[in-house]
C-alpha atoms as a PDB file:
ATOM      1  CA  MET A   1      34.624 -34.423   8.641  1.00  0.00           C
ATOM      2  CA  ARG A   2      36.200 -31.676   6.271  1.00  0.00           C
ATOM      3  CA  PHE A   3      38.548 -29.549   7.185  1.00  0.00           C
ATOM      4  CA  LEU A   4      40.478 -26.596   4.813  1.00  0.00           C
ATOM      5  CA  ILE A   5      43.904 -25.708   5.401  1.00  0.00           C
ATOM      6  CA  VAL A   6      44.793 -22.157   4.955  1.00  0.00           C
ATOM      7  CA  ARG A   7      48.654 -21.973   3.489  1.00  0.00           C
ATOM      8  CA  ILE A   8      48.559 -20.149   0.869  1.00  0.00           C
ATOM      9  CA  ALA A   9      52.055 -19.605  -0.657  1.00  0.00           C
ATOM     10  CA  ALA A  10      55.285 -19.105   1.970  1.00  0.00           C
ATOM     11  CA  ILE A  11      56.607 -22.313   0.783  1.00  0.00           C
ATOM     12  CA  GLY A  12      58.601 -22.846   4.642  1.00  0.00           C
ATOM     13  CA  ASP A  13      54.210 -22.296   6.007  1.00  0.00           C
ATOM     14  CA  VAL A  14      53.142 -24.966   3.881  1.00  0.00           C
ATOM     15  CA  ALA A  15      56.168 -27.421   4.742  1.00  0.00           C
ATOM     16  CA  MET A  16      55.790 -26.621   8.509  1.00  0.00           C
ATOM     17  CA  SER A  17      52.057 -27.537   7.852  1.00  0.00           C
ATOM     18  CA  THR A  18      52.259 -31.008   6.887  1.00  0.00           C
ATOM     19  CA  PRO A  19      52.127 -32.566  10.606  1.00  0.00           C
ATOM     20  CA  LEU A  20      49.232 -31.644  10.793  1.00  0.00           C
ATOM     21  CA  LEU A  21      47.849 -34.045   8.047  1.00  0.00           C
ATOM     22  CA  SER A  22      48.633 -37.073   9.764  1.00  0.00           C
ATOM     23  CA  ARG A  23      47.186 -35.618  13.503  1.00  0.00           C
ATOM     24  CA  ILE A  24      44.094 -34.962  11.748  1.00  0.00           C
ATOM     25  CA  HIS A  25      43.694 -37.987  10.332  1.00  0.00           C
ATOM     26  CA  ALA A  26      44.186 -39.642  13.449  1.00  0.00           C
ATOM     27  CA  GLU A  27      41.439 -38.435  15.433  1.00  0.00           C
ATOM     28  CA  TYR A  28      39.518 -38.310  12.563  1.00  0.00           C
ATOM     29  CA  ALA A  29      39.388 -41.292  10.585  1.00  0.00           C
ATOM     30  CA  ASP A  30      37.260 -40.138   7.656  1.00  0.00           C
ATOM     31  CA  ALA A  31      38.331 -37.028   7.207  1.00  0.00           C
ATOM     32  CA  HIS A  32      38.110 -35.132   4.081  1.00  0.00           C
ATOM     33  CA  VAL A  33      41.054 -32.522   3.355  1.00  0.00           C
ATOM     34  CA  THR A  34      41.272 -29.408   1.207  1.00  0.00           C
ATOM     35  CA  TRP A  35      44.178 -27.531   1.163  1.00  0.00           C
ATOM     36  CA  LEU A  36      43.775 -23.657   0.216  1.00  0.00           C
ATOM     37  CA  CYS A  37      47.250 -22.596  -1.987  1.00  0.00           C
ATOM     38  CA  ALA A  38      48.604 -20.540  -4.678  1.00  0.00           C
ATOM     39  CA  THR A  39      48.880 -21.561  -8.026  1.00  0.00           C
ATOM     40  CA  SER A  40      52.790 -21.975  -7.902  1.00  0.00           C
ATOM     41  CA  MET A  41      52.332 -24.823  -4.572  1.00  0.00           C
ATOM     42  CA  GLN A  42      49.368 -27.062  -5.902  1.00  0.00           C
ATOM     43  CA  ASP A  43      51.569 -29.665  -7.475  1.00  0.00           C
ATOM     44  CA  MET A  44      53.550 -30.000  -4.262  1.00  0.00           C
ATOM     45  CA  VAL A  45      50.810 -29.953  -1.952  1.00  0.00           C
ATOM     46  CA  ALA A  46      49.134 -32.421  -3.910  1.00  0.00           C
ATOM     47  CA  LEU A  47      51.943 -34.790  -3.487  1.00  0.00           C
ATOM     48  CA  PHE A  48      51.054 -34.718   0.526  1.00  0.00           C
ATOM     49  CA  PRO A  49      49.760 -37.667   1.864  1.00  0.00           C
ATOM     50  CA  GLY A  50      46.178 -37.274   3.437  1.00  0.00           C
ATOM     51  CA  VAL A  51      45.105 -34.009   0.979  1.00  0.00           C
ATOM     52  CA  ASP A  52      42.457 -35.169  -0.734  1.00  0.00           C
ATOM     53  CA  GLU A  53      42.085 -31.893  -2.661  1.00  0.00           C
ATOM     54  CA  THR A  54      43.473 -28.598  -3.219  1.00  0.00           C
ATOM     55  CA  ILE A  55      42.289 -25.077  -4.407  1.00  0.00           C
ATOM     56  CA  ALA A  56      44.507 -22.865  -6.049  1.00  0.00           C
ATOM     57  CA  VAL A  57      44.281 -19.451  -6.867  1.00  0.00           C
ATOM     58  CA  ASP A  58      46.256 -16.845  -8.195  1.00  0.00           C
ATOM     59  CA  ALA A  59      48.457 -15.250  -5.345  1.00  0.00           C
ATOM     60  CA  GLN A  60      47.929 -12.021  -6.997  1.00  0.00           C
ATOM     61  CA  GLN A  61      44.006 -12.082  -8.227  1.00  0.00           C
ATOM     62  CA  GLY A  62      42.851 -13.754  -5.194  1.00  0.00           C
ATOM     63  CA  LEU A  63      40.264 -16.214  -4.723  1.00  0.00           C
ATOM     64  CA  ALA A  64      38.263 -15.280  -7.813  1.00  0.00           C
ATOM     65  CA  THR A  65      40.176 -17.779  -9.803  1.00  0.00           C
ATOM     66  CA  GLY A  66      40.303 -21.014  -7.743  1.00  0.00           C
ATOM     67  CA  GLN A  67      40.442 -23.843  -9.628  1.00  0.00           C
ATOM     68  CA  ARG A  68      39.512 -27.254  -7.946  1.00  0.00           C
ATOM     69  CA  VAL A  69      41.911 -30.586  -8.027  1.00  0.00           C
ATOM     70  CA  GLU A  70      41.050 -33.674  -6.190  1.00  0.00           C
ATOM     71  CA  ALA A  71      44.431 -35.106  -5.275  1.00  0.00           C
ATOM     72  CA  GLY A  72      46.177 -37.844  -7.689  1.00  0.00           C
ATOM     73  CA  ALA A  73      44.442 -35.564 -10.429  1.00  0.00           C
END
């Protein structure tokens, strides 16, 4: 099962969302989690255990400038 977490730039919102990762993986062992975030948060989000991929967007430009990165890359 694939999941998309959308927490763009507020560092508090991003940090408070991390427990969701363990819950997703506890319920769905084969889960693939992608996190949509601001480019300024991408390096931090990519370090979260359980995130398989990030999609970074420029908060000013929007989704048109999205950049996909596999976790650990």
